[in-house]
C-alpha atoms as a PDB file:
ATOM      1  CA  UNK A   1      33.514   3.123 -42.383  1.00  0.00           C
ATOM      2  CA  UNK A   2      29.924   1.964 -42.012  1.00  0.00           C
ATOM      3  CA  UNK A   3      28.792   1.298 -38.467  1.00  0.00           C
ATOM      4  CA  UNK A   4      27.774  -2.312 -37.749  1.00  0.00           C
ATOM      5  CA  UNK A   5      24.089  -3.102 -37.719  1.00  0.00           C
ATOM      6  CA  UNK A   6      22.820  -2.957 -34.157  1.00  0.00           C
ATOM      7  CA  UNK A   7      21.502  -6.106 -32.529  1.00  0.00           C
ATOM      8  CA  UNK A   8      18.290  -4.359 -31.462  1.00  0.00           C
ATOM      9  CA  UNK A   9      17.078  -4.515 -35.090  1.00  0.00           C
ATOM     10  CA  UNK A  10      17.697  -8.251 -35.511  1.00  0.00           C
ATOM     11  CA  UNK A  11      14.563 -10.266 -34.795  1.00  0.00           C
ATOM     12  CA  UNK A  12      15.374 -13.763 -33.426  1.00  0.00           C
ATOM     13  CA  UNK A  13      14.695 -16.622 -35.808  1.00  0.00           C
ATOM     14  CA  UNK A  14      12.178 -18.275 -33.485  1.00  0.00           C
ATOM     15  CA  UNK A  15      10.057 -15.103 -33.473  1.00  0.00           C
ATOM     16  CA  UNK A  16      10.254 -14.925 -37.269  1.00  0.00           C
ATOM     17  CA  UNK A  17       9.310 -18.612 -37.468  1.00  0.00           C
ATOM     18  CA  UNK A  18       6.202 -18.045 -35.329  1.00  0.00           C
ATOM     19  CA  UNK A  19       5.227 -15.042 -37.440  1.00  0.00           C
ATOM     20  CA  UNK A  20       5.782 -17.031 -40.636  1.00  0.00           C
ATOM     21  CA  UNK A  21       3.601 -19.889 -39.387  1.00  0.00           C
ATOM     22  CA  UNK A  22       0.820 -17.492 -38.443  1.00  0.00           C
ATOM     23  CA  UNK A  23       1.107 -15.660 -41.756  1.00  0.00           C
ATOM     24  CA  UNK A  24       1.055 -18.815 -43.862  1.00  0.00           C
ATOM     25  CA  UNK A  25      -1.971 -20.174 -42.007  1.00  0.00           C
ATOM     26  CA  UNK A  26      -3.807 -16.895 -42.492  1.00  0.00           C
ATOM     27  CA  UNK A  27      -2.951 -16.829 -46.204  1.00  0.00           C
ATOM     28  CA  UNK A  28      -4.181 -20.416 -46.591  1.00  0.00           C
ATOM     29  CA  UNK A  29      -7.481 -19.589 -44.902  1.00  0.00           C
ATOM     30  CA  UNK A  30      -7.979 -16.282 -46.719  1.00  0.00           C
ATOM     31  CA  UNK A  31      -7.082 -17.456 -50.226  1.00  0.00           C
ATOM     32  CA  UNK A  32      -7.391 -21.232 -50.165  1.00  0.00           C
ATOM     33  CA  UNK A  33     -10.702 -21.864 -48.383  1.00  0.00           C
ATOM     34  CA  UNK A  34     -14.266 -20.851 -49.038  1.00  0.00           C
ATOM     35  CA  UNK A  35     -16.626 -19.743 -46.258  1.00  0.00           C
ATOM     36  CA  UNK A  36     -17.876 -23.246 -45.512  1.00  0.00           C
ATOM     37  CA  UNK A  37     -14.374 -24.686 -45.362  1.00  0.00           C
ATOM     38  CA  UNK A  38     -13.280 -21.845 -43.101  1.00  0.00           C
ATOM     39  CA  UNK A  39     -16.158 -22.567 -40.741  1.00  0.00           C
ATOM     40  CA  UNK A  40     -15.197 -26.238 -40.614  1.00  0.00           C
ATOM     41  CA  UNK A  41     -11.576 -25.329 -39.941  1.00  0.00           C
ATOM     42  CA  UNK A  42     -12.611 -23.078 -37.051  1.00  0.00           C
ATOM     43  CA  UNK A  43     -14.631 -25.900 -35.525  1.00  0.00           C
ATOM     44  CA  UNK A  44     -11.503 -28.057 -35.507  1.00  0.00           C
ATOM     45  CA  UNK A  45      -8.835 -25.485 -34.577  1.00  0.00           C
ATOM     46  CA  UNK A  46     -10.494 -22.536 -32.790  1.00  0.00           C
ATOM     47  CA  UNK A  47     -11.018 -22.531 -29.040  1.00  0.00           C
ATOM     48  CA  UNK A  48     -14.744 -22.928 -28.349  1.00  0.00           C
ATOM     49  CA  UNK A  49     -15.836 -23.034 -24.675  1.00  0.00           C
ATOM     50  CA  UNK A  50     -19.063 -24.877 -25.525  1.00  0.00           C
ATOM     51  CA  UNK A  51     -16.955 -27.820 -26.676  1.00  0.00           C
ATOM     52  CA  UNK A  52     -16.351 -28.797 -23.031  1.00  0.00           C
ATOM     53  CA  UNK A  53     -19.995 -29.698 -22.549  1.00  0.00           C
ATOM     54  CA  UNK A  54     -20.101 -33.477 -22.038  1.00  0.00           C
ATOM     55  CA  UNK A  55     -23.342 -33.706 -24.005  1.00  0.00           C
ATOM     56  CA  UNK A  56     -21.667 -32.211 -27.069  1.00  0.00           C
ATOM     57  CA  UNK A  57     -18.631 -34.471 -26.723  1.00  0.00           C
ATOM     58  CA  UNK A  58     -20.808 -37.571 -26.493  1.00  0.00           C
ATOM     59  CA  UNK A  59     -22.422 -36.945 -29.883  1.00  0.00           C
ATOM     60  CA  UNK A  60     -19.521 -35.588 -31.963  1.00  0.00           C
ATOM     61  CA  UNK A  61     -16.754 -37.602 -33.661  1.00  0.00           C
ATOM     62  CA  UNK A  62     -13.349 -37.326 -31.949  1.00  0.00           C
ATOM     63  CA  UNK A  63     -11.877 -34.952 -34.544  1.00  0.00           C
ATOM     64  CA  UNK A  64     -14.431 -32.235 -33.703  1.00  0.00           C
ATOM     65  CA  UNK A  65     -15.066 -33.390 -30.118  1.00  0.00           C
ATOM     66  CA  UNK A  66     -12.479 -34.904 -27.784  1.00  0.00           C
ATOM     67  CA  UNK A  67      -9.483 -34.148 -29.973  1.00  0.00           C
ATOM     68  CA  UNK A  68     -10.004 -30.379 -30.207  1.00  0.00           C
ATOM     69  CA  UNK A  69     -10.611 -30.168 -26.458  1.00  0.00           C
ATOM     70  CA  UNK A  70      -6.863 -30.766 -26.171  1.00  0.00           C
ATOM     71  CA  UNK A  71      -5.158 -29.186 -29.163  1.00  0.00           C
ATOM     72  CA  UNK A  72      -7.309 -26.046 -29.478  1.00  0.00           C
ATOM     73  CA  UNK A  73      -5.735 -24.719 -26.263  1.00  0.00           C
ATOM     74  CA  UNK A  74      -2.819 -23.771 -28.528  1.00  0.00           C
ATOM     75  CA  UNK A  75      -3.982 -24.014 -32.161  1.00  0.00           C
ATOM     76  CA  UNK A  76      -6.385 -21.077 -31.780  1.00  0.00           C
ATOM     77  CA  UNK A  77      -3.364 -18.797 -31.326  1.00  0.00           C
ATOM     78  CA  UNK A  78      -2.276 -19.367 -34.933  1.00  0.00           C
ATOM     79  CA  UNK A  79      -5.570 -18.214 -36.532  1.00  0.00           C
ATOM     80  CA  UNK A  80      -6.618 -14.579 -36.993  1.00  0.00           C
ATOM     81  CA  UNK A  81      -9.783 -12.781 -38.078  1.00  0.00           C
ATOM     82  CA  UNK A  82      -8.155 -10.665 -40.766  1.00  0.00           C
ATOM     83  CA  UNK A  83      -4.852  -9.119 -41.794  1.00  0.00           C
ATOM     84  CA  UNK A  84      -5.262  -6.164 -39.406  1.00  0.00           C
ATOM     85  CA  UNK A  85      -5.687  -8.546 -36.473  1.00  0.00           C
ATOM     86  CA  UNK A  86      -2.595 -10.495 -37.551  1.00  0.00           C
ATOM     87  CA  UNK A  87      -0.527  -7.356 -38.221  1.00  0.00           C
ATOM     88  CA  UNK A  88      -1.308  -5.807 -34.827  1.00  0.00           C
ATOM     89  CA  UNK A  89      -0.375  -8.980 -32.949  1.00  0.00           C
ATOM     90  CA  UNK A  90       2.736  -9.406 -35.111  1.00  0.00           C
ATOM     91  CA  UNK A  91       4.030  -5.915 -34.359  1.00  0.00           C
ATOM     92  CA  UNK A  92       3.646  -6.384 -30.599  1.00  0.00           C
ATOM     93  CA  UNK A  93       5.190  -9.855 -30.760  1.00  0.00           C
ATOM     94  CA  UNK A  94       8.246  -8.449 -32.526  1.00  0.00           C
ATOM     95  CA  UNK A  95       8.559  -5.630 -29.993  1.00  0.00           C
ATOM     96  CA  UNK A  96       8.237  -7.718 -26.833  1.00  0.00           C
ATOM     97  CA  UNK A  97       8.962 -11.225 -28.090  1.00  0.00           C
ATOM     98  CA  UNK A  98      12.385 -10.189 -29.384  1.00  0.00           C
ATOM     99  CA  UNK A  99      13.999  -9.445 -25.986  1.00  0.00           C
ATOM    100  CA  UNK A 100      12.274 -12.442 -24.411  1.00  0.00           C
ATOM    101  CA  UNK A 101      13.451 -14.807 -27.163  1.00  0.00           C
ATOM    102  CA  UNK A 102      17.015 -13.516 -26.873  1.00  0.00           C
ATOM    103  CA  UNK A 103      16.939 -14.223 -23.161  1.00  0.00           C
ATOM    104  CA  UNK A 104      15.060 -17.551 -23.215  1.00  0.00           C
ATOM    105  CA  UNK A 105      16.488 -19.068 -26.385  1.00  0.00           C
ATOM    106  CA  UNK A 106      14.442 -20.648 -29.177  1.00  0.00           C
ATOM    107  CA  UNK A 107      13.146 -23.776 -27.415  1.00  0.00           C
ATOM    108  CA  UNK A 108      12.153 -22.087 -24.172  1.00  0.00           C
ATOM    109  CA  UNK A 109      10.516 -19.229 -26.048  1.00  0.00           C
ATOM    110  CA  UNK A 110       8.441 -21.552 -28.223  1.00  0.00           C
ATOM    111  CA  UNK A 111       7.254 -23.517 -25.181  1.00  0.00           C
ATOM    112  CA  UNK A 112       6.533 -20.228 -23.407  1.00  0.00           C
ATOM    113  CA  UNK A 113       4.458 -19.073 -26.398  1.00  0.00           C
ATOM    114  CA  UNK A 114       2.346 -22.238 -26.280  1.00  0.00           C
ATOM    115  CA  UNK A 115       1.961 -22.242 -22.486  1.00  0.00           C
ATOM    116  CA  UNK A 116       0.761 -18.639 -22.379  1.00  0.00           C
ATOM    117  CA  UNK A 117      -1.677 -19.404 -25.208  1.00  0.00           C
ATOM    118  CA  UNK A 118      -3.071 -22.297 -23.149  1.00  0.00           C
ATOM    119  CA  UNK A 119      -3.277 -20.099 -20.052  1.00  0.00           C
ATOM    120  CA  UNK A 120      -5.246 -17.520 -22.004  1.00  0.00           C
ATOM    121  CA  UNK A 121      -7.671 -20.154 -23.275  1.00  0.00           C
ATOM    122  CA  UNK A 122      -8.118 -21.524 -19.755  1.00  0.00           C
ATOM    123  CA  UNK A 123      -8.897 -18.061 -18.386  1.00  0.00           C
ATOM    124  CA  UNK A 124     -11.466 -17.477 -21.133  1.00  0.00           C
ATOM    125  CA  UNK A 125     -13.025 -20.888 -20.503  1.00  0.00           C
ATOM    126  CA  UNK A 126     -13.371 -20.156 -16.780  1.00  0.00           C
ATOM    127  CA  UNK A 127     -15.442 -17.045 -17.511  1.00  0.00           C
ATOM    128  CA  UNK A 128     -17.321 -18.194 -20.638  1.00  0.00           C
ATOM    129  CA  UNK A 129     -17.945 -21.881 -20.043  1.00  0.00           C
ATOM    130  CA  UNK A 130     -20.574 -23.074 -22.527  1.00  0.00           C
ATOM    131  CA  UNK A 131     -20.168 -20.108 -24.898  1.00  0.00           C
ATOM    132  CA  UNK A 132     -20.333 -21.086 -28.582  1.00  0.00           C
ATOM    133  CA  UNK A 133     -18.321 -18.104 -29.888  1.00  0.00           C
ATOM    134  CA  UNK A 134     -14.889 -19.245 -31.143  1.00  0.00           C
ATOM    135  CA  UNK A 135     -11.744 -17.592 -29.789  1.00  0.00           C
ATOM    136  CA  UNK A 136      -8.820 -17.076 -32.174  1.00  0.00           C
ATOM    137  CA  UNK A 137      -5.625 -15.026 -32.250  1.00  0.00           C
ATOM    138  CA  UNK A 138      -2.189 -14.908 -30.653  1.00  0.00           C
ATOM    139  CA  UNK A 139      -3.092 -12.095 -28.258  1.00  0.00           C
ATOM    140  CA  UNK A 140      -2.749 -14.239 -25.123  1.00  0.00           C
ATOM    141  CA  UNK A 141       0.792 -15.284 -26.097  1.00  0.00           C
ATOM    142  CA  UNK A 142       1.640 -11.743 -27.138  1.00  0.00           C
ATOM    143  CA  UNK A 143       0.412 -10.551 -23.749  1.00  0.00           C
ATOM    144  CA  UNK A 144       2.539 -13.211 -22.074  1.00  0.00           C
ATOM    145  CA  UNK A 145       5.633 -12.018 -23.953  1.00  0.00           C
ATOM    146  CA  UNK A 146       4.863  -8.453 -22.912  1.00  0.00           C
ATOM    147  CA  UNK A 147       4.596  -9.493 -19.261  1.00  0.00           C
ATOM    148  CA  UNK A 148       7.836 -11.487 -19.408  1.00  0.00           C
ATOM    149  CA  UNK A 149       9.655  -8.584 -21.052  1.00  0.00           C
ATOM    150  CA  UNK A 150       8.744  -6.057 -18.368  1.00  0.00           C
ATOM    151  CA  UNK A 151      10.362  -8.330 -15.789  1.00  0.00           C
ATOM    152  CA  UNK A 152      13.784  -7.227 -17.086  1.00  0.00           C
ATOM    153  CA  UNK A 153      13.748  -4.654 -19.907  1.00  0.00           C
ATOM    154  CA  UNK A 154      13.337  -1.690 -17.535  1.00  0.00           C
ATOM    155  CA  UNK A 155      16.138  -2.808 -15.230  1.00  0.00           C
ATOM    156  CA  UNK A 156      19.308  -0.755 -15.009  1.00  0.00           C
ATOM    157  CA  UNK A 157      21.600  -1.904 -17.812  1.00  0.00           C
ATOM    158  CA  UNK A 158      18.694  -3.718 -19.495  1.00  0.00           C
ATOM    159  CA  UNK A 159      17.504  -3.506 -23.119  1.00  0.00           C
ATOM    160  CA  UNK A 160      15.751  -0.143 -22.679  1.00  0.00           C
ATOM    161  CA  UNK A 161      18.730   1.638 -21.145  1.00  0.00           C
ATOM    162  CA  UNK A 162      21.084  -0.062 -23.630  1.00  0.00           C
ATOM    163  CA  UNK A 163      18.888   0.744 -26.646  1.00  0.00           C
ATOM    164  CA  UNK A 164      21.045   1.152 -29.737  1.00  0.00           C
ATOM    165  CA  UNK A 165      24.257   0.002 -28.083  1.00  0.00           C
ATOM    166  CA  UNK A 166      24.021  -3.573 -29.344  1.00  0.00           C
ATOM    167  CA  UNK A 167      25.226  -4.855 -25.972  1.00  0.00           C
ATOM    168  CA  UNK A 168      24.144  -8.549 -25.731  1.00  0.00           C
ATOM    169  CA  UNK A 169      24.629  -8.498 -21.951  1.00  0.00           C
ATOM    170  CA  UNK A 170      21.649  -6.133 -21.674  1.00  0.00           C
ATOM    171  CA  UNK A 171      19.321  -9.124 -22.111  1.00  0.00           C
ATOM    172  CA  UNK A 172      20.825 -10.903 -19.103  1.00  0.00           C
ATOM    173  CA  UNK A 173      20.302  -8.319 -16.391  1.00  0.00           C
ATOM    174  CA  UNK A 174      18.694  -9.794 -13.254  1.00  0.00           C
ATOM    175  CA  UNK A 175      14.907  -9.880 -13.523  1.00  0.00           C
ATOM    176  CA  UNK A 176      12.860  -7.796 -11.136  1.00  0.00           C
ATOM    177  CA  UNK A 177      11.089  -9.757  -8.375  1.00  0.00           C
ATOM    178  CA  UNK A 178       7.338  -9.241  -8.426  1.00  0.00           C
ATOM    179  CA  UNK A 179       7.347  -7.461  -5.066  1.00  0.00           C
ATOM    180  CA  UNK A 180       9.973  -5.047  -6.407  1.00  0.00           C
ATOM    181  CA  UNK A 181       7.926  -4.385  -9.540  1.00  0.00           C
ATOM    182  CA  UNK A 182       5.011  -3.246  -7.410  1.00  0.00           C
ATOM    183  CA  UNK A 183       7.241  -0.543  -5.904  1.00  0.00           C
ATOM    184  CA  UNK A 184       8.414   0.745  -9.298  1.00  0.00           C
ATOM    185  CA  UNK A 185       6.117   3.552 -10.434  1.00  0.00           C
ATOM    186  CA  UNK A 186       6.918   2.979 -14.114  1.00  0.00           C
ATOM    187  CA  UNK A 187       5.890  -0.656 -13.951  1.00  0.00           C
ATOM    188  CA  UNK A 188       2.819   0.023 -11.820  1.00  0.00           C
ATOM    189  CA  UNK A 189       1.713   2.662 -14.345  1.00  0.00           C
ATOM    190  CA  UNK A 190       2.354   0.221 -17.210  1.00  0.00           C
ATOM    191  CA  UNK A 191       0.290  -2.491 -15.489  1.00  0.00           C
ATOM    192  CA  UNK A 192      -2.539  -0.079 -14.688  1.00  0.00           C
ATOM    193  CA  UNK A 193      -2.767   1.167 -18.278  1.00  0.00           C
ATOM    194  CA  UNK A 194      -2.516  -2.354 -19.704  1.00  0.00           C
ATOM    195  CA  UNK A 195      -5.282  -3.824 -17.538  1.00  0.00           C
ATOM    196  CA  UNK A 196      -7.531  -0.772 -17.980  1.00  0.00           C
ATOM    197  CA  UNK A 197      -7.105  -0.880 -21.757  1.00  0.00           C
ATOM    198  CA  UNK A 198      -7.990  -4.556 -21.931  1.00  0.00           C
ATOM    199  CA  UNK A 199     -11.031  -4.129 -19.719  1.00  0.00           C
ATOM    200  CA  UNK A 200     -12.172  -1.174 -21.833  1.00  0.00           C
ATOM    201  CA  UNK A 201     -11.710  -2.820 -25.221  1.00  0.00           C
ATOM    202  CA  UNK A 202     -13.246  -6.014 -23.893  1.00  0.00           C
ATOM    203  CA  UNK A 203     -16.575  -4.225 -23.891  1.00  0.00           C
ATOM    204  CA  UNK A 204     -16.562  -3.258 -27.575  1.00  0.00           C
ATOM    205  CA  UNK A 205     -16.448  -5.169 -30.828  1.00  0.00           C
ATOM    206  CA  UNK A 206     -13.416  -5.313 -33.101  1.00  0.00           C
ATOM    207  CA  UNK A 207     -13.677  -2.687 -35.832  1.00  0.00           C
ATOM    208  CA  UNK A 208     -15.513  -3.942 -38.866  1.00  0.00           C
ATOM    209  CA  UNK A 209     -16.615  -7.228 -37.297  1.00  0.00           C
ATOM    210  CA  UNK A 210     -19.082  -8.619 -34.805  1.00  0.00           C
ATOM    211  CA  UNK A 211     -16.258 -10.197 -32.808  1.00  0.00           C
ATOM    212  CA  UNK A 212     -15.734  -9.230 -29.180  1.00  0.00           C
ATOM    213  CA  UNK A 213     -12.174  -8.973 -27.874  1.00  0.00           C
ATOM    214  CA  UNK A 214     -11.459 -11.920 -25.567  1.00  0.00           C
ATOM    215  CA  UNK A 215      -9.901  -9.789 -22.827  1.00  0.00           C
ATOM    216  CA  UNK A 216      -9.977 -12.676 -20.357  1.00  0.00           C
ATOM    217  CA  UNK A 217      -7.580 -14.603 -22.593  1.00  0.00           C
ATOM    218  CA  UNK A 218      -5.284 -11.575 -22.750  1.00  0.00           C
ATOM    219  CA  UNK A 219      -5.204 -11.346 -18.962  1.00  0.00           C
ATOM    220  CA  UNK A 220      -4.700 -15.088 -18.583  1.00  0.00           C
ATOM    221  CA  UNK A 221      -1.705 -15.033 -20.921  1.00  0.00           C
ATOM    222  CA  UNK A 222      -0.304 -11.909 -19.293  1.00  0.00           C
ATOM    223  CA  UNK A 223      -0.492 -13.308 -15.760  1.00  0.00           C
ATOM    224  CA  UNK A 224       1.044 -16.577 -16.928  1.00  0.00           C
ATOM    225  CA  UNK A 225       3.963 -14.664 -18.438  1.00  0.00           C
ATOM    226  CA  UNK A 226       4.348 -12.385 -15.442  1.00  0.00           C
ATOM    227  CA  UNK A 227       4.183 -15.045 -12.730  1.00  0.00           C
ATOM    228  CA  UNK A 228       5.626 -17.971 -14.688  1.00  0.00           C
ATOM    229  CA  UNK A 229       8.622 -16.012 -15.995  1.00  0.00           C
ATOM    230  CA  UNK A 230      11.024 -17.620 -13.505  1.00  0.00           C
ATOM    231  CA  UNK A 231      10.131 -21.119 -14.728  1.00  0.00           C
ATOM    232  CA  UNK A 232      11.480 -20.305 -18.194  1.00  0.00           C
ATOM    233  CA  UNK A 233      14.288 -17.912 -17.319  1.00  0.00           C
ATOM    234  CA  UNK A 234      17.590 -19.731 -17.925  1.00  0.00           C
ATOM    235  CA  UNK A 235      20.769 -18.971 -15.977  1.00  0.00           C
ATOM    236  CA  UNK A 236      22.912 -16.266 -17.620  1.00  0.00           C
ATOM    237  CA  UNK A 237      25.699 -17.477 -19.892  1.00  0.00           C
ATOM    238  CA  UNK A 238      29.116 -17.659 -18.240  1.00  0.00           C
ATOM    239  CA  UNK A 239      31.465 -14.747 -18.778  1.00  0.00           C
ATOM    240  CA  UNK A 240      34.398 -15.445 -21.118  1.00  0.00           C
ATOM    241  CA  UNK A 241      37.646 -16.285 -19.306  1.00  0.00           C
ATOM    242  CA  UNK A 242      40.059 -13.435 -18.704  1.00  0.00           C
ATOM    243  CA  UNK A 243      43.335 -13.614 -20.642  1.00  0.00           C
ATOM    244  CA  UNK A 244      45.753 -12.599 -17.919  1.00  0.00           C
ATOM    245  CA  UNK A 245      48.732 -12.443 -20.290  1.00  0.00           C
ATOM    246  CA  UNK A 246      46.903 -10.089 -22.616  1.00  0.00           C
ATOM    247  CA  UNK A 247      46.125  -7.614 -19.831  1.00  0.00           C
ATOM    248  CA  UNK A 248      49.454  -7.868 -18.021  1.00  0.00           C
ATOM    249  CA  UNK A 249      50.988  -4.438 -17.832  1.00  0.00           C
ATOM    250  CA  UNK A 250      47.814  -2.703 -19.031  1.00  0.00           C
ATOM    251  CA  UNK A 251      45.986  -2.291 -15.722  1.00  0.00           C
ATOM    252  CA  UNK A 252      45.732   1.528 -15.926  1.00  0.00           C
ATOM    253  CA  UNK A 253      44.221   1.419 -19.421  1.00  0.00           C
ATOM    254  CA  UNK A 254      41.668  -1.191 -18.365  1.00  0.00           C
ATOM    255  CA  UNK A 255      40.763   0.850 -15.326  1.00  0.00           C
ATOM    256  CA  UNK A 256      40.101   3.850 -17.536  1.00  0.00           C
ATOM    257  CA  UNK A 257      38.053   1.711 -19.910  1.00  0.00           C
ATOM    258  CA  UNK A 258      35.779   0.372 -17.207  1.00  0.00           C
ATOM    259  CA  UNK A 259      35.219   3.841 -15.766  1.00  0.00           C
ATOM    260  CA  UNK A 260      33.818   5.070 -19.069  1.00  0.00           C
END
């Protein structure tokens, strides 16, 4: 008899929906727009720190001035430089967004994705106020999902230890308090490598382009996911009621089962 497909390989629909939206937008830009149209689209949808200069806002129409100062905090996350940029973010989103989406549910995960994108844009704006270079990509939200995931995936009985078992309860283990995380060598090592990598790659251009990695946005999204995790973490689902009649007279067998 074939073994059932394990839950670990099933990507939640909300994660697939986000990936589909990003992919469709990229395909539209790559195959449906010329260079001039792409530039105009970036002006409207990319996050541009220089846009928050009051002199610029006073002279531009609302759809490239005041309007984008609001919506580009999230719309930039759905645009990517090229397929490699999109593919890399997509792979990490599947890896870390999957456990987070299973725990948060679709609505909370989608809001979390947008909030961490906004946090990343805000962090970049704080460091690069007045910069005219557009920021695009879902990296801040991906970083936020990574930070949220490490709050619980390494816990005993969590998704890492239950890998391949298909146990849905693995996604509901208690999350690690931040102070506890700082005493866990695995998590401290993970954080050290993650921050060092972002600081390192923030000093070089993306391969094949003149674009610089917006590492400040990555860190902003990561910290928002790490610290703001508790605001999105729902209470665990209630355990199913115990059928006392079904287990009557089978106490020894149950005891053996729970020991295994």
